[in-house]
Amino acid sequence: MLAELSRDVLFGDVWDRPGLSKRDRSLITVATLVARYRPLHMPSHMKLALQNGITAEELGELVPHLAFYAGWPNATTAAEVLVSVLDELDQSKGPPGRGRSLTTRSANSPRQDDSRACSVPF
């Protein structure tokens, strides 16, 4: 029953409403999941956000921004989930990459050792 409602109403009617793009809806949804500490739902919505045009860098910027509004524990969990999602997607595209680590750095100073690393400035 819940699966049907999600498929038909949420991902059918709500996500197809004309007032917001799917990209915007994805950004809002991921932000809400981080703020409300819903780590079980983060991976699927982070993947959907990437499909809807949100970049890995934008998701990486969302996390520290929300740390100040939703709390550090929520943001650190979201950063770990994001790294895991991006690593999984990298691995599904070909040979496993070197992975990503959670480091404290500016989004404007990418890691020197891995140009594919997402800037999760955490």
PDB file of N, CA and C in Angstrom:
ATOM      1  N   MET A   1       0.818  -1.198   0.000  1.00  0.00           N
ATOM      2  CA  MET A   1       0.000   0.000   0.000  1.00  0.00           C
ATOM      3  C   MET A   1       0.865   1.266   0.000  1.00  0.00           C
ATOM      4  N   LEU A   2       1.855   1.339   0.900  1.00  0.00           N
ATOM      5  CA  LEU A   2       2.723   2.523   0.924  1.00  0.00           C
ATOM      6  C   LEU A   2       3.528   2.637  -0.369  1.00  0.00           C
ATOM      7  N   ALA A   3       3.952   1.502  -0.908  1.00  0.00           N
ATOM      8  CA  ALA A   3       4.713   1.529  -2.162  1.00  0.00           C
ATOM      9  C   ALA A   3       3.861   2.092  -3.299  1.00  0.00           C
ATOM     10  N   GLU A   4       2.597   1.687  -3.336  1.00  0.00           N
ATOM     11  CA  GLU A   4       1.686   2.206  -4.361  1.00  0.00           C
ATOM     12  C   GLU A   4       1.475   3.704  -4.210  1.00  0.00           C
ATOM     13  N   LEU A   5       1.263   4.155  -2.988  1.00  0.00           N
ATOM     14  CA  LEU A   5       1.070   5.589  -2.756  1.00  0.00           C
ATOM     15  C   LEU A   5       2.314   6.375  -3.148  1.00  0.00           C
ATOM     16  N   SER A   6       3.484   5.857  -2.784  1.00  0.00           N
ATOM     17  CA  SER A   6       4.727   6.543  -3.154  1.00  0.00           C
ATOM     18  C   SER A   6       4.865   6.631  -4.663  1.00  0.00           C
ATOM     19  N   ARG A   7       4.632   5.518  -5.334  1.00  0.00           N
ATOM     20  CA  ARG A   7       4.790   5.480  -6.794  1.00  0.00           C
ATOM     21  C   ARG A   7       3.758   6.375  -7.482  1.00  0.00           C
ATOM     22  N   ASP A   8       2.495   6.229  -7.101  1.00  0.00           N
ATOM     23  CA  ASP A   8       1.424   6.911  -7.823  1.00  0.00           C
ATOM     24  C   ASP A   8       1.243   8.370  -7.418  1.00  0.00           C
ATOM     25  N   VAL A   9       1.281   8.637  -6.121  1.00  0.00           N
ATOM     26  CA  VAL A   9       1.005   9.991  -5.656  1.00  0.00           C
ATOM     27  C   VAL A   9       2.282  10.816  -5.552  1.00  0.00           C
ATOM     28  N   LEU A  10       3.250  10.321  -4.774  1.00  0.00           N
ATOM     29  CA  LEU A  10       4.458  11.108  -4.559  1.00  0.00           C
ATOM     30  C   LEU A  10       5.273  11.264  -5.840  1.00  0.00           C
ATOM     31  N   PHE A  11       5.696  10.136  -6.426  1.00  0.00           N
ATOM     32  CA  PHE A  11       6.553  10.222  -7.615  1.00  0.00           C
ATOM     33  C   PHE A  11       5.750  10.416  -8.894  1.00  0.00           C
ATOM     34  N   GLY A  12       4.454  10.279  -8.806  1.00  0.00           N
ATOM     35  CA  GLY A  12       3.603  10.548  -9.954  1.00  0.00           C
ATOM     36  C   GLY A  12       3.092  11.967  -9.907  1.00  0.00           C
ATOM     37  N   ASP A  13       2.103  12.194  -9.062  1.00  0.00           N
ATOM     38  CA  ASP A  13       1.450  13.504  -9.013  1.00  0.00           C
ATOM     39  C   ASP A  13       2.332  14.619  -8.454  1.00  0.00           C
ATOM     40  N   VAL A  14       2.919  14.416  -7.297  1.00  0.00           N
ATOM     41  CA  VAL A  14       3.662  15.492  -6.623  1.00  0.00           C
ATOM     42  C   VAL A  14       4.911  15.888  -7.412  1.00  0.00           C
ATOM     43  N   TRP A  15       5.715  14.911  -7.810  1.00  0.00           N
ATOM     44  CA  TRP A  15       6.964  15.225  -8.515  1.00  0.00           C
ATOM     45  C   TRP A  15       6.725  15.772  -9.918  1.00  0.00           C
ATOM     46  N   ASP A  16       5.539  15.566 -10.472  1.00  0.00           N
ATOM     47  CA  ASP A  16       5.252  16.054 -11.823  1.00  0.00           C
ATOM     48  C   ASP A  16       4.515  17.392 -11.836  1.00  0.00           C
ATOM     49  N   ARG A  17       4.278  17.968 -10.671  1.00  0.00           N
ATOM     50  CA  ARG A  17       3.610  19.268 -10.634  1.00  0.00           C
ATOM     51  C   ARG A  17       4.500  20.308 -11.321  1.00  0.00           C
ATOM     52  N   PRO A  18       3.899  21.294 -11.980  1.00  0.00           N
ATOM     53  CA  PRO A  18       4.683  22.244 -12.774  1.00  0.00           C
ATOM     54  C   PRO A  18       5.411  23.341 -11.993  1.00  0.00           C
ATOM     55  N   GLY A  19       5.135  23.531 -10.726  1.00  0.00           N
ATOM     56  CA  GLY A  19       5.685  24.664  -9.989  1.00  0.00           C
ATOM     57  C   GLY A  19       7.182  24.620  -9.730  1.00  0.00           C
ATOM     58  N   LEU A  20       7.767  23.432  -9.665  1.00  0.00           N
ATOM     59  CA  LEU A  20       9.208  23.274  -9.439  1.00  0.00           C
ATOM     60  C   LEU A  20       9.756  22.243 -10.405  1.00  0.00           C
ATOM     61  N   SER A  21      10.993  22.424 -10.801  1.00  0.00           N
ATOM     62  CA  SER A  21      11.637  21.413 -11.646  1.00  0.00           C
ATOM     63  C   SER A  21      11.980  20.189 -10.800  1.00  0.00           C
ATOM     64  N   LYS A  22      12.205  19.069 -11.458  1.00  0.00           N
ATOM     65  CA  LYS A  22      12.617  17.870 -10.728  1.00  0.00           C
ATOM     66  C   LYS A  22      13.971  18.101 -10.062  1.00  0.00           C
ATOM     67  N   ARG A  23      14.819  18.903 -10.686  1.00  0.00           N
ATOM     68  CA  ARG A  23      16.115  19.245 -10.100  1.00  0.00           C
ATOM     69  C   ARG A  23      15.913  19.957  -8.763  1.00  0.00           C
ATOM     70  N   ASP A  24      15.055  20.970  -8.766  1.00  0.00           N
ATOM     71  CA  ASP A  24      14.779  21.709  -7.530  1.00  0.00           C
ATOM     72  C   ASP A  24      14.143  20.818  -6.473  1.00  0.00           C
ATOM     73  N   ARG A  25      13.202  19.983  -6.894  1.00  0.00           N
ATOM     74  CA  ARG A  25      12.565  19.067  -5.948  1.00  0.00           C
ATOM     75  C   ARG A  25      13.592  18.124  -5.324  1.00  0.00           C
ATOM     76  N   SER A  26      14.545  17.667  -6.126  1.00  0.00           N
ATOM     77  CA  SER A  26      15.586  16.780  -5.596  1.00  0.00           C
ATOM     78  C   SER A  26      16.447  17.488  -4.562  1.00  0.00           C
ATOM     79  N   LEU A  27      16.850  18.719  -4.854  1.00  0.00           N
ATOM     80  CA  LEU A  27      17.673  19.469  -3.910  1.00  0.00           C
ATOM     81  C   LEU A  27      16.917  19.690  -2.598  1.00  0.00           C
ATOM     82  N   ILE A  28      15.665  20.053  -2.700  1.00  0.00           N
ATOM     83  CA  ILE A  28      14.832  20.259  -1.512  1.00  0.00           C
ATOM     84  C   ILE A  28      14.681  18.960  -0.732  1.00  0.00           C
ATOM     85  N   THR A  29      14.452  17.871  -1.434  1.00  0.00           N
ATOM     86  CA  THR A  29      14.241  16.580  -0.779  1.00  0.00           C
ATOM     87  C   THR A  29      15.492  16.115  -0.054  1.00  0.00           C
ATOM     88  N   VAL A  30      16.646  16.202  -0.708  1.00  0.00           N
ATOM     89  CA  VAL A  30      17.892  15.791  -0.053  1.00  0.00           C
ATOM     90  C   VAL A  30      18.153  16.667   1.166  1.00  0.00           C
ATOM     91  N   ALA A  31      17.946  17.963   1.030  1.00  0.00           N
ATOM     92  CA  ALA A  31      18.149  18.867   2.167  1.00  0.00           C
ATOM     93  C   ALA A  31      17.222  18.502   3.327  1.00  0.00           C
ATOM     94  N   THR A  32      15.995  18.175   3.018  1.00  0.00           N
ATOM     95  CA  THR A  32      15.036  17.800   4.063  1.00  0.00           C
ATOM     96  C   THR A  32      15.447  16.491   4.735  1.00  0.00           C
ATOM     97  N   LEU A  33      15.898  15.532   3.948  1.00  0.00           N
ATOM     98  CA  LEU A  33      16.326  14.253   4.520  1.00  0.00           C
ATOM     99  C   LEU A  33      17.538  14.437   5.427  1.00  0.00           C
ATOM    100  N   VAL A  34      18.450  15.308   5.044  1.00  0.00           N
ATOM    101  CA  VAL A  34      19.612  15.593   5.894  1.00  0.00           C
ATOM    102  C   VAL A  34      19.149  16.285   7.169  1.00  0.00           C
ATOM    103  N   ALA A  35      18.336  17.329   7.017  1.00  0.00           N
ATOM    104  CA  ALA A  35      17.889  18.112   8.176  1.00  0.00           C
ATOM    105  C   ALA A  35      17.083  17.273   9.160  1.00  0.00           C
ATOM    106  N   ARG A  36      16.304  16.329   8.656  1.00  0.00           N
ATOM    107  CA  ARG A  36      15.459  15.506   9.525  1.00  0.00           C
ATOM    108  C   ARG A  36      16.132  14.194   9.920  1.00  0.00           C
ATOM    109  N   TYR A  37      17.382  14.040   9.523  1.00  0.00           N
ATOM    110  CA  TYR A  37      18.186  12.838   9.834  1.00  0.00           C
ATOM    111  C   TYR A  37      17.456  11.564   9.412  1.00  0.00           C
ATOM    112  N   ARG A  38      17.380  11.408   8.088  1.00  0.00           N
ATOM    113  CA  ARG A  38      16.747  10.229   7.494  1.00  0.00           C
ATOM    114  C   ARG A  38      17.767   9.509   6.606  1.00  0.00           C
ATOM    115  N   PRO A  39      18.829   8.950   7.209  1.00  0.00           N
ATOM    116  CA  PRO A  39      19.909   8.361   6.419  1.00  0.00           C
ATOM    117  C   PRO A  39      19.491   7.172   5.555  1.00  0.00           C
ATOM    118  N   LEU A  40      18.439   6.466   5.916  1.00  0.00           N
ATOM    119  CA  LEU A  40      18.018   5.325   5.091  1.00  0.00           C
ATOM    120  C   LEU A  40      17.479   5.764   3.739  1.00  0.00           C
ATOM    121  N   HIS A  41      16.951   6.969   3.662  1.00  0.00           N
ATOM    122  CA  HIS A  41      16.378   7.461   2.412  1.00  0.00           C
ATOM    123  C   HIS A  41      17.358   8.330   1.618  1.00  0.00           C
ATOM    124  N   MET A  42      18.458   8.725   2.237  1.00  0.00           N
ATOM    125  CA  MET A  42      19.416   9.602   1.557  1.00  0.00           C
ATOM    126  C   MET A  42      20.025   8.992   0.298  1.00  0.00           C
ATOM    127  N   PRO A  43      20.504   7.742   0.324  1.00  0.00           N
ATOM    128  CA  PRO A  43      21.171   7.221  -0.877  1.00  0.00           C
ATOM    129  C   PRO A  43      20.302   7.259  -2.131  1.00  0.00           C
ATOM    130  N   SER A  44      19.070   6.794  -2.035  1.00  0.00           N
ATOM    131  CA  SER A  44      18.228   6.767  -3.239  1.00  0.00           C
ATOM    132  C   SER A  44      17.916   8.178  -3.728  1.00  0.00           C
ATOM    133  N   HIS A  45      17.719   9.114  -2.808  1.00  0.00           N
ATOM    134  CA  HIS A  45      17.408  10.477  -3.237  1.00  0.00           C
ATOM    135  C   HIS A  45      18.652  11.229  -3.709  1.00  0.00           C
ATOM    136  N   MET A  46      19.818  10.890  -3.183  1.00  0.00           N
ATOM    137  CA  MET A  46      21.052  11.489  -3.709  1.00  0.00           C
ATOM    138  C   MET A  46      21.301  11.010  -5.135  1.00  0.00           C
ATOM    139  N   LYS A  47      21.051   9.733  -5.383  1.00  0.00           N
ATOM    140  CA  LYS A  47      21.197   9.202  -6.749  1.00  0.00           C
ATOM    141  C   LYS A  47      20.186   9.848  -7.687  1.00  0.00           C
ATOM    142  N   LEU A  48      18.950   9.983  -7.233  1.00  0.00           N
ATOM    143  CA  LEU A  48      17.927  10.632  -8.040  1.00  0.00           C
ATOM    144  C   LEU A  48      18.298  12.090  -8.311  1.00  0.00           C
ATOM    145  N   ALA A  49      18.851  12.768  -7.314  1.00  0.00           N
ATOM    146  CA  ALA A  49      19.269  14.164  -7.496  1.00  0.00           C
ATOM    147  C   ALA A  49      20.324  14.262  -8.599  1.00  0.00           C
ATOM    148  N   LEU A  50      21.264  13.336  -8.608  1.00  0.00           N
ATOM    149  CA  LEU A  50      22.285  13.329  -9.656  1.00  0.00           C
ATOM    150  C   LEU A  50      21.652  13.097 -11.026  1.00  0.00           C
ATOM    151  N   GLN A  51      20.670  12.224 -11.097  1.00  0.00           N
ATOM    152  CA  GLN A  51      19.959  11.980 -12.363  1.00  0.00           C
ATOM    153  C   GLN A  51      19.155  13.206 -12.793  1.00  0.00           C
ATOM    154  N   ASN A  52      18.711  13.979 -11.813  1.00  0.00           N
ATOM    155  CA  ASN A  52      17.894  15.159 -12.107  1.00  0.00           C
ATOM    156  C   ASN A  52      18.717  16.428 -12.321  1.00  0.00           C
ATOM    157  N   GLY A  53      20.040  16.296 -12.423  1.00  0.00           N
ATOM    158  CA  GLY A  53      20.866  17.436 -12.796  1.00  0.00           C
ATOM    159  C   GLY A  53      21.642  18.107 -11.678  1.00  0.00           C
ATOM    160  N   ILE A  54      21.488  17.657 -10.454  1.00  0.00           N
ATOM    161  CA  ILE A  54      22.304  18.181  -9.358  1.00  0.00           C
ATOM    162  C   ILE A  54      23.695  17.564  -9.519  1.00  0.00           C
ATOM    163  N   THR A  55      24.729  18.344  -9.355  1.00  0.00           N
ATOM    164  CA  THR A  55      26.084  17.803  -9.483  1.00  0.00           C
ATOM    165  C   THR A  55      26.577  17.262  -8.145  1.00  0.00           C
ATOM    166  N   ALA A  56      27.589  16.420  -8.218  1.00  0.00           N
ATOM    167  CA  ALA A  56      28.202  15.902  -6.993  1.00  0.00           C
ATOM    168  C   ALA A  56      28.758  17.053  -6.160  1.00  0.00           C
ATOM    169  N   GLU A  57      29.288  18.065  -6.823  1.00  0.00           N
ATOM    170  CA  GLU A  57      29.839  19.218  -6.111  1.00  0.00           C
ATOM    171  C   GLU A  57      28.741  19.983  -5.385  1.00  0.00           C
ATOM    172  N   GLU A  58      27.572  20.097  -6.009  1.00  0.00           N
ATOM    173  CA  GLU A  58      26.455  20.786  -5.353  1.00  0.00           C
ATOM    174  C   GLU A  58      25.979  20.006  -4.133  1.00  0.00           C
ATOM    175  N   LEU A  59      25.895  18.682  -4.254  1.00  0.00           N
ATOM    176  CA  LEU A  59      25.538  17.882  -3.085  1.00  0.00           C
ATOM    177  C   LEU A  59      26.599  18.023  -2.001  1.00  0.00           C
ATOM    178  N   GLY A  60      27.860  18.084  -2.425  1.00  0.00           N
ATOM    179  CA  GLY A  60      28.944  18.272  -1.473  1.00  0.00           C
ATOM    180  C   GLY A  60      28.876  19.606  -0.755  1.00  0.00           C
ATOM    181  N   GLU A  61      28.378  20.622  -1.402  1.00  0.00           N
ATOM    182  CA  GLU A  61      28.213  21.934  -0.768  1.00  0.00           C
ATOM    183  C   GLU A  61      26.975  21.994   0.113  1.00  0.00           C
ATOM    184  N   LEU A  62      25.977  21.217  -0.231  1.00  0.00           N
ATOM    185  CA  LEU A  62      24.748  21.180   0.563  1.00  0.00           C
ATOM    186  C   LEU A  62      25.023  20.706   1.987  1.00  0.00           C
ATOM    187  N   VAL A  63      25.902  19.723   2.123  1.00  0.00           N
ATOM    188  CA  VAL A  63      26.148  19.098   3.424  1.00  0.00           C
ATOM    189  C   VAL A  63      26.724  20.079   4.452  1.00  0.00           C
ATOM    190  N   PRO A  64      27.836  20.756   4.197  1.00  0.00           N
ATOM    191  CA  PRO A  64      28.337  21.682   5.220  1.00  0.00           C
ATOM    192  C   PRO A  64      27.429  22.889   5.431  1.00  0.00           C
ATOM    193  N   HIS A  65      26.716  23.287   4.393  1.00  0.00           N
ATOM    194  CA  HIS A  65      25.767  24.384   4.558  1.00  0.00           C
ATOM    195  C   HIS A  65      24.703  23.992   5.583  1.00  0.00           C
ATOM    196  N   LEU A  66      24.198  22.779   5.464  1.00  0.00           N
ATOM    197  CA  LEU A  66      23.165  22.316   6.385  1.00  0.00           C
ATOM    198  C   LEU A  66      23.703  22.043   7.783  1.00  0.00           C
ATOM    199  N   ALA A  67      25.008  21.834   7.910  1.00  0.00           N
ATOM    200  CA  ALA A  67      25.584  21.569   9.233  1.00  0.00           C
ATOM    201  C   ALA A  67      25.233  22.690  10.213  1.00  0.00           C
ATOM    202  N   PHE A  68      25.210  23.907   9.716  1.00  0.00           N
ATOM    203  CA  PHE A  68      24.929  25.049  10.580  1.00  0.00           C
ATOM    204  C   PHE A  68      23.448  25.206  10.896  1.00  0.00           C
ATOM    205  N   TYR A  69      22.599  24.615  10.083  1.00  0.00           N
ATOM    206  CA  TYR A  69      21.157  24.744  10.285  1.00  0.00           C
ATOM    207  C   TYR A  69      20.529  23.481  10.869  1.00  0.00           C
ATOM    208  N   ALA A  70      21.085  22.323  10.519  1.00  0.00           N
ATOM    209  CA  ALA A  70      20.484  21.050  10.940  1.00  0.00           C
ATOM    210  C   ALA A  70      21.330  20.313  11.963  1.00  0.00           C
ATOM    211  N   GLY A  71      22.553  20.759  12.169  1.00  0.00           N
ATOM    212  CA  GLY A  71      23.422  20.137  13.162  1.00  0.00           C
ATOM    213  C   GLY A  71      24.536  19.305  12.550  1.00  0.00           C
ATOM    214  N   TRP A  72      25.655  19.277  13.273  1.00  0.00           N
ATOM    215  CA  TRP A  72      26.836  18.541  12.820  1.00  0.00           C
ATOM    216  C   TRP A  72      26.602  17.044  12.685  1.00  0.00           C
ATOM    217  N   PRO A  73      25.909  16.401  13.635  1.00  0.00           N
ATOM    218  CA  PRO A  73      25.690  14.957  13.472  1.00  0.00           C
ATOM    219  C   PRO A  73      24.920  14.624  12.189  1.00  0.00           C
ATOM    220  N   ASN A  74      23.911  15.408  11.873  1.00  0.00           N
ATOM    221  CA  ASN A  74      23.164  15.173  10.633  1.00  0.00           C
ATOM    222  C   ASN A  74      24.064  15.338   9.418  1.00  0.00           C
ATOM    223  N   ALA A  75      24.885  16.380   9.439  1.00  0.00           N
ATOM    224  CA  ALA A  75      25.750  16.658   8.295  1.00  0.00           C
ATOM    225  C   ALA A  75      26.859  15.627   8.147  1.00  0.00           C
ATOM    226  N   THR A  76      27.447  15.197   9.248  1.00  0.00           N
ATOM    227  CA  THR A  76      28.521  14.200   9.119  1.00  0.00           C
ATOM    228  C   THR A  76      27.966  12.878   8.606  1.00  0.00           C
ATOM    229  N   THR A  77      26.787  12.516   9.041  1.00  0.00           N
ATOM    230  CA  THR A  77      26.155  11.298   8.508  1.00  0.00           C
ATOM    231  C   THR A  77      25.865  11.469   7.024  1.00  0.00           C
ATOM    232  N   ALA A  78      25.336  12.613   6.632  1.00  0.00           N
ATOM    233  CA  ALA A  78      25.034  12.870   5.221  1.00  0.00           C
ATOM    234  C   ALA A  78      26.310  12.846   4.380  1.00  0.00           C
ATOM    235  N   ALA A  79      27.405  13.377   4.907  1.00  0.00           N
ATOM    236  CA  ALA A  79      28.678  13.361   4.172  1.00  0.00           C
ATOM    237  C   ALA A  79      29.142  11.928   3.945  1.00  0.00           C
ATOM    238  N   GLU A  80      29.015  11.092   4.955  1.00  0.00           N
ATOM    239  CA  GLU A  80      29.404   9.689   4.810  1.00  0.00           C
ATOM    240  C   GLU A  80      28.522   8.981   3.787  1.00  0.00           C
ATOM    241  N   VAL A  81      27.230   9.256   3.829  1.00  0.00           N
ATOM    242  CA  VAL A  81      26.309   8.656   2.860  1.00  0.00           C
ATOM    243  C   VAL A  81      26.659   9.124   1.454  1.00  0.00           C
ATOM    244  N   LEU A  82      26.924  10.408   1.286  1.00  0.00           N
ATOM    245  CA  LEU A  82      27.256  10.952  -0.028  1.00  0.00           C
ATOM    246  C   LEU A  82      28.519  10.314  -0.586  1.00  0.00           C
ATOM    247  N   VAL A  83      29.542  10.203   0.222  1.00  0.00           N
ATOM    248  CA  VAL A  83      30.787   9.576  -0.230  1.00  0.00           C
ATOM    249  C   VAL A  83      30.514   8.138  -0.661  1.00  0.00           C
ATOM    250  N   SER A  84      29.722   7.427   0.112  1.00  0.00           N
ATOM    251  CA  SER A  84      29.386   6.044  -0.215  1.00  0.00           C
ATOM    252  C   SER A  84      28.616   5.959  -1.537  1.00  0.00           C
ATOM    253  N   VAL A  85      27.658   6.839  -1.727  1.00  0.00           N
ATOM    254  CA  VAL A  85      26.873   6.856  -2.965  1.00  0.00           C
ATOM    255  C   VAL A  85      27.766   7.146  -4.162  1.00  0.00           C
ATOM    256  N   LEU A  86      28.618   8.152  -4.041  1.00  0.00           N
ATOM    257  CA  LEU A  86      29.483   8.521  -5.168  1.00  0.00           C
ATOM    258  C   LEU A  86      30.491   7.423  -5.472  1.00  0.00           C
ATOM    259  N   ASP A  87      31.021   6.790  -4.447  1.00  0.00           N
ATOM    260  CA  ASP A  87      31.925   5.661  -4.673  1.00  0.00           C
ATOM    261  C   ASP A  87      31.206   4.516  -5.368  1.00  0.00           C
ATOM    262  N   GLU A  88      29.988   4.237  -4.940  1.00  0.00           N
ATOM    263  CA  GLU A  88      29.203   3.167  -5.569  1.00  0.00           C
ATOM    264  C   GLU A  88      28.953   3.469  -7.044  1.00  0.00           C
ATOM    265  N   LEU A  89      28.609   4.701  -7.348  1.00  0.00           N
ATOM    266  CA  LEU A  89      28.362   5.083  -8.733  1.00  0.00           C
ATOM    267  C   LEU A  89      29.635   5.012  -9.560  1.00  0.00           C
ATOM    268  N   ASP A  90      30.769   5.413  -8.986  1.00  0.00           N
ATOM    269  CA  ASP A  90      32.054   5.298  -9.680  1.00  0.00           C
ATOM    270  C   ASP A  90      32.367   3.850 -10.003  1.00  0.00           C
ATOM    271  N   GLN A  91      32.118   2.970  -9.061  1.00  0.00           N
ATOM    272  CA  GLN A  91      32.432   1.553  -9.244  1.00  0.00           C
ATOM    273  C   GLN A  91      31.523   0.921 -10.283  1.00  0.00           C
ATOM    274  N   SER A  92      30.293   1.387 -10.396  1.00  0.00           N
ATOM    275  CA  SER A  92      29.381   0.815 -11.377  1.00  0.00           C
ATOM    276  C   SER A  92      29.715   1.263 -12.797  1.00  0.00           C
ATOM    277  N   LYS A  93      30.526   2.320 -12.930  1.00  0.00           N
ATOM    278  CA  LYS A  93      30.900   2.832 -14.244  1.00  0.00           C
ATOM    279  C   LYS A  93      32.163   2.190 -14.803  1.00  0.00           C
ATOM    280  N   GLY A  94      32.880   1.455 -14.003  1.00  0.00           N
ATOM    281  CA  GLY A  94      34.111   0.861 -14.498  1.00  0.00           C
ATOM    282  C   GLY A  94      34.962   0.388 -13.358  1.00  0.00           C
ATOM    283  N   PRO A  95      36.282   0.348 -13.575  1.00  0.00           N
ATOM    284  CA  PRO A  95      37.178  -0.109 -12.512  1.00  0.00           C
ATOM    285  C   PRO A  95      37.033   0.751 -11.271  1.00  0.00           C
ATOM    286  N   PRO A  96      37.109   0.152 -10.102  1.00  0.00           N
ATOM    287  CA  PRO A  96      36.979   0.925  -8.861  1.00  0.00           C
ATOM    288  C   PRO A  96      37.974   2.068  -8.798  1.00  0.00           C
ATOM    289  N   GLY A  97      37.488   3.198  -8.349  1.00  0.00           N
ATOM    290  CA  GLY A  97      38.364   4.349  -8.167  1.00  0.00           C
ATOM    291  C   GLY A  97      39.081   4.256  -6.840  1.00  0.00           C
ATOM    292  N   ARG A  98      39.766   5.304  -6.511  1.00  0.00           N
ATOM    293  CA  ARG A  98      40.506   5.324  -5.245  1.00  0.00           C
ATOM    294  C   ARG A  98      39.618   5.664  -4.067  1.00  0.00           C
ATOM    295  N   GLY A  99      38.368   5.933  -4.314  1.00  0.00           N
ATOM    296  CA  GLY A  99      37.467   6.278  -3.221  1.00  0.00           C
ATOM    297  C   GLY A  99      37.601   7.730  -2.820  1.00  0.00           C
ATOM    298  N   ARG A 100      36.846   8.092  -1.855  1.00  0.00           N
ATOM    299  CA  ARG A 100      36.853   9.456  -1.342  1.00  0.00           C
ATOM    300  C   ARG A 100      37.019   9.387   0.157  1.00  0.00           C
ATOM    301  N   SER A 101      37.558  10.419   0.691  1.00  0.00           N
ATOM    302  CA  SER A 101      37.656  10.479   2.139  1.00  0.00           C
ATOM    303  C   SER A 101      37.006  11.761   2.612  1.00  0.00           C
ATOM    304  N   LEU A 102      36.588  11.750   3.835  1.00  0.00           N
ATOM    305  CA  LEU A 102      36.019  12.952   4.425  1.00  0.00           C
ATOM    306  C   LEU A 102      37.152  13.731   5.053  1.00  0.00           C
ATOM    307  N   THR A 103      37.476  14.843   4.459  1.00  0.00           N
ATOM    308  CA  THR A 103      38.550  15.662   4.990  1.00  0.00           C
ATOM    309  C   THR A 103      38.050  17.079   5.147  1.00  0.00           C
ATOM    310  N   THR A 104      38.681  17.811   6.004  1.00  0.00           N
ATOM    311  CA  THR A 104      38.347  19.214   6.163  1.00  0.00           C
ATOM    312  C   THR A 104      39.148  19.998   5.144  1.00  0.00           C
ATOM    313  N   ARG A 105      38.440  20.570   4.183  1.00  0.00           N
ATOM    314  CA  ARG A 105      39.105  21.366   3.161  1.00  0.00           C
ATOM    315  C   ARG A 105      38.083  22.278   2.524  1.00  0.00           C
ATOM    316  N   SER A 106      38.570  23.256   1.869  1.00  0.00           N
ATOM    317  CA  SER A 106      37.699  24.165   1.155  1.00  0.00           C
ATOM    318  C   SER A 106      37.231  23.500  -0.125  1.00  0.00           C
ATOM    319  N   ALA A 107      36.015  23.801  -0.535  1.00  0.00           N
ATOM    320  CA  ALA A 107      35.499  23.258  -1.787  1.00  0.00           C
ATOM    321  C   ALA A 107      36.302  23.765  -2.970  1.00  0.00           C
ATOM    322  N   ASN A 108      37.020  24.868  -2.790  1.00  0.00           N
ATOM    323  CA  ASN A 108      37.816  25.432  -3.874  1.00  0.00           C
ATOM    324  C   ASN A 108      39.225  24.869  -3.945  1.00  0.00           C
ATOM    325  N   SER A 109      39.564  23.953  -3.040  1.00  0.00           N
ATOM    326  CA  SER A 109      40.889  23.345  -3.091  1.00  0.00           C
ATOM    327  C   SER A 109      40.742  21.830  -3.165  1.00  0.00           C
ATOM    328  N   PRO A 110      40.532  21.303  -4.388  1.00  0.00           N
ATOM    329  CA  PRO A 110      40.315  19.869  -4.543  1.00  0.00           C
ATOM    330  C   PRO A 110      41.548  19.069  -4.168  1.00  0.00           C
ATOM    331  N   ARG A 111      41.323  17.805  -3.859  1.00  0.00           N
ATOM    332  CA  ARG A 111      42.431  16.914  -3.529  1.00  0.00           C
ATOM    333  C   ARG A 111      43.360  16.795  -4.721  1.00  0.00           C
ATOM    334  N   GLN A 112      44.636  16.836  -4.471  1.00  0.00           N
ATOM    335  CA  GLN A 112      45.620  16.759  -5.536  1.00  0.00           C
ATOM    336  C   GLN A 112      45.749  15.349  -6.097  1.00  0.00           C
ATOM    337  N   ASP A 113      45.470  14.335  -5.280  1.00  0.00           N
ATOM    338  CA  ASP A 113      45.736  12.960  -5.692  1.00  0.00           C
ATOM    339  C   ASP A 113      44.585  12.319  -6.460  1.00  0.00           C
ATOM    340  N   ASP A 114      43.424  12.954  -6.566  1.00  0.00           N
ATOM    341  CA  ASP A 114      42.299  12.321  -7.235  1.00  0.00           C
ATOM    342  C   ASP A 114      41.403  13.398  -7.822  1.00  0.00           C
ATOM    343  N   SER A 115      41.542  13.654  -9.108  1.00  0.00           N
ATOM    344  CA  SER A 115      40.773  14.725  -9.736  1.00  0.00           C
ATOM    345  C   SER A 115      39.294  14.390  -9.823  1.00  0.00           C
ATOM    346  N   ARG A 116      38.933  13.104  -9.631  1.00  0.00           N
ATOM    347  CA  ARG A 116      37.524  12.719  -9.693  1.00  0.00           C
ATOM    348  C   ARG A 116      36.844  12.864  -8.339  1.00  0.00           C
ATOM    349  N   ALA A 117      37.570  13.173  -7.300  1.00  0.00           N
ATOM    350  CA  ALA A 117      36.993  13.237  -5.959  1.00  0.00           C
ATOM    351  C   ALA A 117      36.000  14.381  -5.861  1.00  0.00           C
ATOM    352  N   CYS A 118      34.912  14.106  -5.245  1.00  0.00           N
ATOM    353  CA  CYS A 118      33.925  15.136  -4.974  1.00  0.00           C
ATOM    354  C   CYS A 118      34.428  15.974  -3.822  1.00  0.00           C
ATOM    355  N   SER A 119      34.215  17.255  -3.888  1.00  0.00           N
ATOM    356  CA  SER A 119      34.600  18.116  -2.776  1.00  0.00           C
ATOM    357  C   SER A 119      33.541  18.032  -1.699  1.00  0.00           C
ATOM    358  N   VAL A 120      33.721  17.129  -0.771  1.00  0.00           N
ATOM    359  CA  VAL A 120      32.872  17.093   0.418  1.00  0.00           C
ATOM    360  C   VAL A 120      33.702  17.790   1.458  1.00  0.00           C
ATOM    361  N   PRO A 121      33.535  19.110   1.583  1.00  0.00           N
ATOM    362  CA  PRO A 121      34.429  19.899   2.432  1.00  0.00           C
ATOM    363  C   PRO A 121      34.144  19.679   3.895  1.00  0.00           C
ATOM    364  N   PHE A 122      34.294  18.463   4.336  1.00  0.00           N
ATOM    365  CA  PHE A 122      33.954  18.082   5.686  1.00  0.00           C
ATOM    366  C   PHE A 122      35.032  17.207   6.247  1.00  0.00           C
TER     367      PHE A 122
END
